[in-house]
PDB file of N, CA and C in Angstrom:
ATOM      1  N   MET A   1       0.828  -1.182   0.000  1.00  0.00           N
ATOM      2  CA  MET A   1       0.000   0.000   0.000  1.00  0.00           C
ATOM      3  C   MET A   1       0.862   1.230   0.000  1.00  0.00           C
ATOM      4  N   SER A   2       0.359   2.254  -0.587  1.00  0.00           N
ATOM      5  CA  SER A   2       1.094   3.501  -0.615  1.00  0.00           C
ATOM      6  C   SER A   2       0.355   4.558   0.180  1.00  0.00           C
ATOM      7  N   THR A   3       1.067   5.624   0.455  1.00  0.00           N
ATOM      8  CA  THR A   3       0.432   6.770   1.085  1.00  0.00           C
ATOM      9  C   THR A   3       0.530   7.941   0.139  1.00  0.00           C
ATOM     10  N   THR A   4      -0.446   8.784   0.177  1.00  0.00           N
ATOM     11  CA  THR A   4      -0.452  10.003  -0.613  1.00  0.00           C
ATOM     12  C   THR A   4      -0.264  11.160   0.341  1.00  0.00           C
ATOM     13  N   THR A   5       0.685  12.020   0.027  1.00  0.00           N
ATOM     14  CA  THR A   5       0.920  13.187   0.862  1.00  0.00           C
ATOM     15  C   THR A   5       0.557  14.428   0.068  1.00  0.00           C
ATOM     16  N   ALA A   6      -0.354  15.209   0.584  1.00  0.00           N
ATOM     17  CA  ALA A   6      -0.710  16.488  -0.027  1.00  0.00           C
ATOM     18  C   ALA A   6      -0.217  17.582   0.906  1.00  0.00           C
ATOM     19  N   ARG A   7       0.484  18.536   0.369  1.00  0.00           N
ATOM     20  CA  ARG A   7       1.030  19.616   1.180  1.00  0.00           C
ATOM     21  C   ARG A   7       0.167  20.853   1.015  1.00  0.00           C
ATOM     22  N   THR A   8      -0.225  21.417   2.132  1.00  0.00           N
ATOM     23  CA  THR A   8      -1.015  22.641   2.126  1.00  0.00           C
ATOM     24  C   THR A   8      -0.412  23.593   3.139  1.00  0.00           C
ATOM     25  N   ALA A   9       0.082  24.699   2.659  1.00  0.00           N
ATOM     26  CA  ALA A   9       0.649  25.749   3.519  1.00  0.00           C
ATOM     27  C   ALA A   9       1.653  25.189   4.521  1.00  0.00           C
ATOM     28  N   GLY A  10       2.527  24.302   4.050  1.00  0.00           N
ATOM     29  CA  GLY A  10       3.592  23.797   4.891  1.00  0.00           C
ATOM     30  C   GLY A  10       3.217  22.616   5.774  1.00  0.00           C
ATOM     31  N   ARG A  11       1.954  22.181   5.733  1.00  0.00           N
ATOM     32  CA  ARG A  11       1.539  21.049   6.549  1.00  0.00           C
ATOM     33  C   ARG A  11       1.301  19.854   5.636  1.00  0.00           C
ATOM     34  N   GLY A  12       1.828  18.700   5.996  1.00  0.00           N
ATOM     35  CA  GLY A  12       1.603  17.494   5.213  1.00  0.00           C
ATOM     36  C   GLY A  12       0.425  16.712   5.762  1.00  0.00           C
ATOM     37  N   VAL A  13      -0.407  16.202   4.876  1.00  0.00           N
ATOM     38  CA  VAL A  13      -1.539  15.376   5.264  1.00  0.00           C
ATOM     39  C   VAL A  13      -1.387  14.057   4.531  1.00  0.00           C
ATOM     40  N   GLN A  14      -1.359  12.954   5.264  1.00  0.00           N
ATOM     41  CA  GLN A  14      -1.172  11.657   4.629  1.00  0.00           C
ATOM     42  C   GLN A  14      -2.414  10.801   4.796  1.00  0.00           C
ATOM     43  N   SER A  15      -2.680   9.999   3.765  1.00  0.00           N
ATOM     44  CA  SER A  15      -3.756   9.025   3.852  1.00  0.00           C
ATOM     45  C   SER A  15      -3.326   7.768   3.104  1.00  0.00           C
ATOM     46  N   VAL A  16      -3.717   6.606   3.597  1.00  0.00           N
ATOM     47  CA  VAL A  16      -3.389   5.337   2.955  1.00  0.00           C
ATOM     48  C   VAL A  16      -4.436   5.092   1.879  1.00  0.00           C
ATOM     49  N   THR A  17      -3.985   4.916   0.635  1.00  0.00           N
ATOM     50  CA  THR A  17      -4.908   4.781  -0.479  1.00  0.00           C
ATOM     51  C   THR A  17      -4.923   3.402  -1.111  1.00  0.00           C
ATOM     52  N   GLY A  18      -3.830   2.667  -1.003  1.00  0.00           N
ATOM     53  CA  GLY A  18      -3.736   1.398  -1.703  1.00  0.00           C
ATOM     54  C   GLY A  18      -3.343   1.583  -3.160  1.00  0.00           C
ATOM     55  N   LEU A  19      -3.161   2.822  -3.592  1.00  0.00           N
ATOM     56  CA  LEU A  19      -2.774   3.133  -4.960  1.00  0.00           C
ATOM     57  C   LEU A  19      -1.302   3.511  -5.003  1.00  0.00           C
ATOM     58  N   PRO A  20      -0.691   3.504  -6.192  1.00  0.00           N
ATOM     59  CA  PRO A  20       0.694   3.961  -6.295  1.00  0.00           C
ATOM     60  C   PRO A  20       0.814   5.407  -5.832  1.00  0.00           C
ATOM     61  N   PRO A  21       2.011   5.823  -5.429  1.00  0.00           N
ATOM     62  CA  PRO A  21       2.198   7.180  -4.921  1.00  0.00           C
ATOM     63  C   PRO A  21       1.812   8.252  -5.936  1.00  0.00           C
ATOM     64  N   VAL A  22       1.320   9.351  -5.431  1.00  0.00           N
ATOM     65  CA  VAL A  22       0.981  10.522  -6.238  1.00  0.00           C
ATOM     66  C   VAL A  22       1.896  11.641  -5.784  1.00  0.00           C
ATOM     67  N   PRO A  23       2.464  12.395  -6.721  1.00  0.00           N
ATOM     68  CA  PRO A  23       3.363  13.473  -6.311  1.00  0.00           C
ATOM     69  C   PRO A  23       2.644  14.567  -5.546  1.00  0.00           C
ATOM     70  N   ASP A  24       3.425  15.432  -4.894  1.00  0.00           N
ATOM     71  CA  ASP A  24       2.852  16.556  -4.160  1.00  0.00           C
ATOM     72  C   ASP A  24       1.945  17.363  -5.071  1.00  0.00           C
ATOM     73  N   LEU A  25       0.865  17.861  -4.512  1.00  0.00           N
ATOM     74  CA  LEU A  25      -0.063  18.675  -5.273  1.00  0.00           C
ATOM     75  C   LEU A  25       0.395  20.125  -5.262  1.00  0.00           C
ATOM     76  N   GLY A  26       0.098  20.851  -6.283  1.00  0.00           N
ATOM     77  CA  GLY A  26       0.444  22.262  -6.361  1.00  0.00           C
ATOM     78  C   GLY A  26       1.822  22.466  -6.951  1.00  0.00           C
ATOM     79  N   GLU A  27       2.247  23.708  -6.979  1.00  0.00           N
ATOM     80  CA  GLU A  27       3.535  24.028  -7.574  1.00  0.00           C
ATOM     81  C   GLU A  27       4.521  24.541  -6.536  1.00  0.00           C
ATOM     82  N   GLY A  28       4.446  24.043  -5.364  1.00  0.00           N
ATOM     83  CA  GLY A  28       5.409  24.421  -4.348  1.00  0.00           C
ATOM     84  C   GLY A  28       4.741  25.125  -3.190  1.00  0.00           C
ATOM     85  N   GLU A  29       5.288  24.896  -2.034  1.00  0.00           N
ATOM     86  CA  GLU A  29       4.740  25.520  -0.843  1.00  0.00           C
ATOM     87  C   GLU A  29       4.864  27.031  -0.937  1.00  0.00           C
ATOM     88  N   GLY A  30       3.843  27.724  -0.513  1.00  0.00           N
ATOM     89  CA  GLY A  30       3.861  29.165  -0.522  1.00  0.00           C
ATOM     90  C   GLY A  30       3.541  29.791  -1.869  1.00  0.00           C
ATOM     91  N   ASN A  31       3.401  28.982  -2.914  1.00  0.00           N
ATOM     92  CA  ASN A  31       3.092  29.515  -4.233  1.00  0.00           C
ATOM     93  C   ASN A  31       2.050  28.639  -4.929  1.00  0.00           C
ATOM     94  N   PRO A  32       0.941  28.345  -4.276  1.00  0.00           N
ATOM     95  CA  PRO A  32      -0.052  27.519  -4.958  1.00  0.00           C
ATOM     96  C   PRO A  32      -0.791  28.350  -6.006  1.00  0.00           C
ATOM     97  N   ARG A  33      -0.870  27.837  -7.200  1.00  0.00           N
ATOM     98  CA  ARG A  33      -1.629  28.485  -8.263  1.00  0.00           C
ATOM     99  C   ARG A  33      -2.155  27.422  -9.197  1.00  0.00           C
ATOM    100  N   CYS A  34      -3.103  27.779  -9.988  1.00  0.00           N
ATOM    101  CA  CYS A  34      -3.689  26.883 -10.971  1.00  0.00           C
ATOM    102  C   CYS A  34      -2.590  26.366 -11.902  1.00  0.00           C
ATOM    103  N   MET A  35      -2.576  25.067 -12.163  1.00  0.00           N
ATOM    104  CA  MET A  35      -1.553  24.449 -12.993  1.00  0.00           C
ATOM    105  C   MET A  35      -1.966  24.368 -14.457  1.00  0.00           C
ATOM    106  N   TRP A  36      -2.761  25.275 -14.935  1.00  0.00           N
ATOM    107  CA  TRP A  36      -3.203  25.312 -16.325  1.00  0.00           C
ATOM    108  C   TRP A  36      -1.988  25.449 -17.229  1.00  0.00           C
ATOM    109  N   ASP A  37      -1.815  24.508 -18.185  1.00  0.00           N
ATOM    110  CA  ASP A  37      -0.622  24.465 -19.030  1.00  0.00           C
ATOM    111  C   ASP A  37      -0.654  25.423 -20.213  1.00  0.00           C
ATOM    112  N   TRP A  38      -1.809  25.884 -20.615  1.00  0.00           N
ATOM    113  CA  TRP A  38      -1.926  26.659 -21.850  1.00  0.00           C
ATOM    114  C   TRP A  38      -1.586  28.128 -21.659  1.00  0.00           C
ATOM    115  N   ASP A  39      -1.599  28.614 -20.439  1.00  0.00           N
ATOM    116  CA  ASP A  39      -1.303  30.011 -20.162  1.00  0.00           C
ATOM    117  C   ASP A  39      -1.103  30.134 -18.647  1.00  0.00           C
ATOM    118  N   VAL A  40      -0.624  31.261 -18.197  1.00  0.00           N
ATOM    119  CA  VAL A  40      -0.457  31.480 -16.770  1.00  0.00           C
ATOM    120  C   VAL A  40      -1.809  31.837 -16.170  1.00  0.00           C
ATOM    121  N   CYS A  41      -2.173  31.146 -15.121  1.00  0.00           N
ATOM    122  CA  CYS A  41      -3.416  31.432 -14.408  1.00  0.00           C
ATOM    123  C   CYS A  41      -3.072  31.664 -12.937  1.00  0.00           C
ATOM    124  N   PRO A  42      -3.289  32.864 -12.427  1.00  0.00           N
ATOM    125  CA  PRO A  42      -2.935  33.172 -11.043  1.00  0.00           C
ATOM    126  C   PRO A  42      -3.985  32.751 -10.017  1.00  0.00           C
ATOM    127  N   GLU A  43      -5.083  32.144 -10.479  1.00  0.00           N
ATOM    128  CA  GLU A  43      -6.161  31.764  -9.567  1.00  0.00           C
ATOM    129  C   GLU A  43      -5.708  30.670  -8.601  1.00  0.00           C
ATOM    130  N   THR A  44      -6.304  30.647  -7.435  1.00  0.00           N
ATOM    131  CA  THR A  44      -6.029  29.622  -6.433  1.00  0.00           C
ATOM    132  C   THR A  44      -6.712  28.319  -6.844  1.00  0.00           C
ATOM    133  N   PRO A  45      -5.988  27.202  -6.819  1.00  0.00           N
ATOM    134  CA  PRO A  45      -6.617  25.934  -7.189  1.00  0.00           C
ATOM    135  C   PRO A  45      -7.596  25.458  -6.117  1.00  0.00           C
ATOM    136  N   THR A  46      -8.725  24.955  -6.568  1.00  0.00           N
ATOM    137  CA  THR A  46      -9.729  24.398  -5.658  1.00  0.00           C
ATOM    138  C   THR A  46     -10.121  22.979  -6.054  1.00  0.00           C
ATOM    139  N   LYS A  47      -9.677  22.533  -7.231  1.00  0.00           N
ATOM    140  CA  LYS A  47     -10.023  21.209  -7.763  1.00  0.00           C
ATOM    141  C   LYS A  47      -8.753  20.460  -8.122  1.00  0.00           C
ATOM    142  N   LYS A  48      -8.872  19.136  -8.207  1.00  0.00           N
ATOM    143  CA  LYS A  48      -7.721  18.322  -8.606  1.00  0.00           C
ATOM    144  C   LYS A  48      -8.159  17.234  -9.580  1.00  0.00           C
ATOM    145  N   ILE A  49      -7.216  16.847 -10.427  1.00  0.00           N
ATOM    146  CA  ILE A  49      -7.365  15.677 -11.296  1.00  0.00           C
ATOM    147  C   ILE A  49      -6.102  14.861 -11.099  1.00  0.00           C
ATOM    148  N   VAL A  50      -6.244  13.605 -10.712  1.00  0.00           N
ATOM    149  CA  VAL A  50      -5.100  12.709 -10.565  1.00  0.00           C
ATOM    150  C   VAL A  50      -5.112  11.781 -11.769  1.00  0.00           C
ATOM    151  N   TRP A  51      -4.127  11.963 -12.638  1.00  0.00           N
ATOM    152  CA  TRP A  51      -4.026  11.189 -13.867  1.00  0.00           C
ATOM    153  C   TRP A  51      -3.215   9.922 -13.630  1.00  0.00           C
ATOM    154  N   ARG A  52      -3.622   8.834 -14.238  1.00  0.00           N
ATOM    155  CA  ARG A  52      -2.906   7.556 -14.147  1.00  0.00           C
ATOM    156  C   ARG A  52      -1.728   7.597 -15.116  1.00  0.00           C
ATOM    157  N   GLY A  53      -0.557   7.226 -14.628  1.00  0.00           N
ATOM    158  CA  GLY A  53       0.631   7.170 -15.476  1.00  0.00           C
ATOM    159  C   GLY A  53       0.585   5.962 -16.401  1.00  0.00           C
ATOM    160  N   ASN A  54       1.525   5.895 -17.313  1.00  0.00           N
ATOM    161  CA  ASN A  54       1.545   4.818 -18.309  1.00  0.00           C
ATOM    162  C   ASN A  54       1.648   3.431 -17.695  1.00  0.00           C
ATOM    163  N   ASN A  55       2.477   3.262 -16.691  1.00  0.00           N
ATOM    164  CA  ASN A  55       2.641   1.934 -16.105  1.00  0.00           C
ATOM    165  C   ASN A  55       2.055   1.841 -14.694  1.00  0.00           C
ATOM    166  N   GLY A  56       1.258   2.817 -14.306  1.00  0.00           N
ATOM    167  CA  GLY A  56       0.599   2.781 -13.010  1.00  0.00           C
ATOM    168  C   GLY A  56       1.429   3.296 -11.853  1.00  0.00           C
ATOM    169  N   THR A  57       2.705   3.616 -12.096  1.00  0.00           N
ATOM    170  CA  THR A  57       3.542   4.130 -11.013  1.00  0.00           C
ATOM    171  C   THR A  57       3.944   5.575 -11.242  1.00  0.00           C
ATOM    172  N   GLU A  58       3.572   6.127 -12.357  1.00  0.00           N
ATOM    173  CA  GLU A  58       3.939   7.499 -12.674  1.00  0.00           C
ATOM    174  C   GLU A  58       2.723   8.415 -12.606  1.00  0.00           C
ATOM    175  N   ASN A  59       1.854   8.183 -11.664  1.00  0.00           N
ATOM    176  CA  ASN A  59       0.663   9.012 -11.537  1.00  0.00           C
ATOM    177  C   ASN A  59       1.057  10.444 -11.217  1.00  0.00           C
ATOM    178  N   TYR A  60       0.275  11.375 -11.697  1.00  0.00           N
ATOM    179  CA  TYR A  60       0.548  12.769 -11.391  1.00  0.00           C
ATOM    180  C   TYR A  60      -0.751  13.524 -11.188  1.00  0.00           C
ATOM    181  N   ALA A  61      -0.668  14.580 -10.414  1.00  0.00           N
ATOM    182  CA  ALA A  61      -1.855  15.353 -10.064  1.00  0.00           C
ATOM    183  C   ALA A  61      -1.748  16.760 -10.620  1.00  0.00           C
ATOM    184  N   GLU A  62      -2.878  17.261 -11.079  1.00  0.00           N
ATOM    185  CA  GLU A  62      -2.994  18.661 -11.477  1.00  0.00           C
ATOM    186  C   GLU A  62      -3.953  19.323 -10.507  1.00  0.00           C
ATOM    187  N   THR A  63      -3.588  20.490 -10.023  1.00  0.00           N
ATOM    188  CA  THR A  63      -4.503  21.271  -9.196  1.00  0.00           C
ATOM    189  C   THR A  63      -4.899  22.489 -10.011  1.00  0.00           C
ATOM    190  N   LEU A  64      -6.192  22.690 -10.157  1.00  0.00           N
ATOM    191  CA  LEU A  64      -6.709  23.696 -11.072  1.00  0.00           C
ATOM    192  C   LEU A  64      -7.769  24.554 -10.401  1.00  0.00           C
ATOM    193  N   CYS A  65      -7.941  25.762 -10.928  1.00  0.00           N
ATOM    194  CA  CYS A  65      -9.078  26.577 -10.505  1.00  0.00           C
ATOM    195  C   CYS A  65     -10.336  25.935 -11.101  1.00  0.00           C
ATOM    196  N   ALA A  66     -11.491  26.335 -10.625  1.00  0.00           N
ATOM    197  CA  ALA A  66     -12.745  25.711 -11.072  1.00  0.00           C
ATOM    198  C   ALA A  66     -12.945  25.857 -12.580  1.00  0.00           C
ATOM    199  N   ARG A  67     -12.599  26.997 -13.126  1.00  0.00           N
ATOM    200  CA  ARG A  67     -12.794  27.225 -14.574  1.00  0.00           C
ATOM    201  C   ARG A  67     -11.929  26.289 -15.403  1.00  0.00           C
ATOM    202  N   HIS A  68     -10.636  26.185 -15.071  1.00  0.00           N
ATOM    203  CA  HIS A  68      -9.742  25.333 -15.852  1.00  0.00           C
ATOM    204  C   HIS A  68      -9.965  23.846 -15.581  1.00  0.00           C
ATOM    205  N   TYR A  69     -10.481  23.512 -14.424  1.00  0.00           N
ATOM    206  CA  TYR A  69     -10.891  22.131 -14.124  1.00  0.00           C
ATOM    207  C   TYR A  69     -11.985  21.710 -15.108  1.00  0.00           C
ATOM    208  N   ALA A  70     -12.987  22.564 -15.275  1.00  0.00           N
ATOM    209  CA  ALA A  70     -14.081  22.266 -16.211  1.00  0.00           C
ATOM    210  C   ALA A  70     -13.572  22.183 -17.648  1.00  0.00           C
ATOM    211  N   VAL A  71     -12.683  23.091 -18.024  1.00  0.00           N
ATOM    212  CA  VAL A  71     -12.132  23.085 -19.379  1.00  0.00           C
ATOM    213  C   VAL A  71     -11.313  21.822 -19.620  1.00  0.00           C
ATOM    214  N   GLU A  72     -10.482  21.429 -18.663  1.00  0.00           N
ATOM    215  CA  GLU A  72      -9.636  20.239 -18.822  1.00  0.00           C
ATOM    216  C   GLU A  72     -10.474  18.968 -18.942  1.00  0.00           C
ATOM    217  N   LEU A  73     -11.507  18.838 -18.116  1.00  0.00           N
ATOM    218  CA  LEU A  73     -12.376  17.654 -18.230  1.00  0.00           C
ATOM    219  C   LEU A  73     -13.141  17.667 -19.547  1.00  0.00           C
ATOM    220  N   SER A  74     -13.555  18.844 -20.001  1.00  0.00           N
ATOM    221  CA  SER A  74     -14.234  18.950 -21.297  1.00  0.00           C
ATOM    222  C   SER A  74     -13.289  18.561 -22.426  1.00  0.00           C
ATOM    223  N   ARG A  75     -12.054  19.042 -22.365  1.00  0.00           N
ATOM    224  CA  ARG A  75     -11.057  18.697 -23.385  1.00  0.00           C
ATOM    225  C   ARG A  75     -10.829  17.188 -23.418  1.00  0.00           C
ATOM    226  N   PHE A  76     -10.742  16.595 -22.248  1.00  0.00           N
ATOM    227  CA  PHE A  76     -10.527  15.149 -22.183  1.00  0.00           C
ATOM    228  C   PHE A  76     -11.695  14.386 -22.804  1.00  0.00           C
ATOM    229  N   THR A  77     -12.917  14.744 -22.432  1.00  0.00           N
ATOM    230  CA  THR A  77     -14.075  13.991 -22.926  1.00  0.00           C
ATOM    231  C   THR A  77     -14.414  14.307 -24.378  1.00  0.00           C
ATOM    232  N   GLU A  78     -14.172  15.528 -24.829  1.00  0.00           N
ATOM    233  CA  GLU A  78     -14.527  15.922 -26.195  1.00  0.00           C
ATOM    234  C   GLU A  78     -13.442  15.605 -27.219  1.00  0.00           C
ATOM    235  N   VAL A  79     -12.189  15.607 -26.801  1.00  0.00           N
ATOM    236  CA  VAL A  79     -11.096  15.438 -27.759  1.00  0.00           C
ATOM    237  C   VAL A  79     -10.391  14.093 -27.578  1.00  0.00           C
ATOM    238  N   HIS A  80      -9.826  13.866 -26.402  1.00  0.00           N
ATOM    239  CA  HIS A  80      -9.008  12.672 -26.203  1.00  0.00           C
ATOM    240  C   HIS A  80      -9.816  11.376 -26.225  1.00  0.00           C
ATOM    241  N   SER A  81     -10.888  11.325 -25.462  1.00  0.00           N
ATOM    242  CA  SER A  81     -11.622  10.055 -25.338  1.00  0.00           C
ATOM    243  C   SER A  81     -12.282   9.617 -26.637  1.00  0.00           C
ATOM    244  N   VAL A  82     -12.489  10.518 -27.572  1.00  0.00           N
ATOM    245  CA  VAL A  82     -13.092  10.163 -28.866  1.00  0.00           C
ATOM    246  C   VAL A  82     -12.168   9.248 -29.661  1.00  0.00           C
ATOM    247  N   SER A  83     -10.859   9.493 -29.585  1.00  0.00           N
ATOM    248  CA  SER A  83      -9.910   8.703 -30.366  1.00  0.00           C
ATOM    249  C   SER A  83      -9.167   7.655 -29.537  1.00  0.00           C
ATOM    250  N   CYS A  84      -9.522   7.489 -28.276  1.00  0.00           N
ATOM    251  CA  CYS A  84      -8.827   6.551 -27.394  1.00  0.00           C
ATOM    252  C   CYS A  84      -9.760   5.410 -27.018  1.00  0.00           C
ATOM    253  N   SER A  85      -9.234   4.211 -27.029  1.00  0.00           N
ATOM    254  CA  SER A  85     -10.055   3.055 -26.674  1.00  0.00           C
ATOM    255  C   SER A  85     -10.128   2.823 -25.163  1.00  0.00           C
ATOM    256  N   GLY A  86      -9.338   3.562 -24.388  1.00  0.00           N
ATOM    257  CA  GLY A  86      -9.352   3.419 -22.938  1.00  0.00           C
ATOM    258  C   GLY A  86     -10.580   4.054 -22.312  1.00  0.00           C
ATOM    259  N   THR A  87     -10.875   3.639 -21.103  1.00  0.00           N
ATOM    260  CA  THR A  87     -12.001   4.201 -20.363  1.00  0.00           C
ATOM    261  C   THR A  87     -11.540   5.412 -19.561  1.00  0.00           C
ATOM    262  N   VAL A  88     -12.483   6.156 -19.029  1.00  0.00           N
ATOM    263  CA  VAL A  88     -12.131   7.282 -18.165  1.00  0.00           C
ATOM    264  C   VAL A  88     -11.317   6.776 -16.977  1.00  0.00           C
ATOM    265  N   ALA A  89     -11.714   5.651 -16.390  1.00  0.00           N
ATOM    266  CA  ALA A  89     -11.009   5.090 -15.233  1.00  0.00           C
ATOM    267  C   ALA A  89      -9.591   4.649 -15.579  1.00  0.00           C
ATOM    268  N   SER A  90      -9.320   4.352 -16.845  1.00  0.00           N
ATOM    269  CA  SER A  90      -7.959   3.972 -17.213  1.00  0.00           C
ATOM    270  C   SER A  90      -7.044   5.191 -17.337  1.00  0.00           C
ATOM    271  N   HIS A  91      -7.627   6.390 -17.275  1.00  0.00           N
ATOM    272  CA  HIS A  91      -6.863   7.631 -17.355  1.00  0.00           C
ATOM    273  C   HIS A  91      -6.872   8.433 -16.061  1.00  0.00           C
ATOM    274  N   ILE A  92      -8.010   8.466 -15.374  1.00  0.00           N
ATOM    275  CA  ILE A  92      -8.186   9.326 -14.208  1.00  0.00           C
ATOM    276  C   ILE A  92      -8.395   8.475 -12.959  1.00  0.00           C
ATOM    277  N   LEU A  93      -7.545   8.683 -11.947  1.00  0.00           N
ATOM    278  CA  LEU A  93      -7.677   7.955 -10.684  1.00  0.00           C
ATOM    279  C   LEU A  93      -8.642   8.655  -9.738  1.00  0.00           C
ATOM    280  N   ALA A  94      -8.599   9.972  -9.704  1.00  0.00           N
ATOM    281  CA  ALA A  94      -9.431  10.732  -8.779  1.00  0.00           C
ATOM    282  C   ALA A  94      -9.629  12.128  -9.341  1.00  0.00           C
ATOM    283  N   LEU A  95     -10.733  12.750  -8.943  1.00  0.00           N
ATOM    284  CA  LEU A  95     -10.983  14.124  -9.348  1.00  0.00           C
ATOM    285  C   LEU A  95     -11.959  14.757  -8.387  1.00  0.00           C
ATOM    286  N   GLY A  96     -12.036  16.060  -8.410  1.00  0.00           N
ATOM    287  CA  GLY A  96     -12.978  16.768  -7.554  1.00  0.00           C
ATOM    288  C   GLY A  96     -12.313  17.812  -6.686  1.00  0.00           C
ATOM    289  N   ASP A  97     -12.956  18.107  -5.564  1.00  0.00           N
ATOM    290  CA  ASP A  97     -12.463  19.124  -4.651  1.00  0.00           C
ATOM    291  C   ASP A  97     -11.154  18.686  -4.009  1.00  0.00           C
ATOM    292  N   MET A  98     -10.318  19.666  -3.698  1.00  0.00           N
ATOM    293  CA  MET A  98      -9.051  19.356  -3.018  1.00  0.00           C
ATOM    294  C   MET A  98      -9.291  19.109  -1.557  1.00  0.00           C
TER     295      MET A  98
END
């Protein structure tokens, strides 16, 4: 079993998940911001998407503001999933509020 550690304002919170490790959420202590890749977004992240890595051990998390969370899920369902034979569960481990 693995533990997931999420860091918030210098405090670590751990929970046993039974899943492979997920990297720290956010972009560093003291500088949390939306991780939107297409442009700089200074908004505070309130949502997360934990993506499954290729071999199940390279999982990674994105923390996003509500607007970019909706856009990213829309992009995934409208663009990627149309041409991919995998299921949503084969790509996304967890999503929702942080």
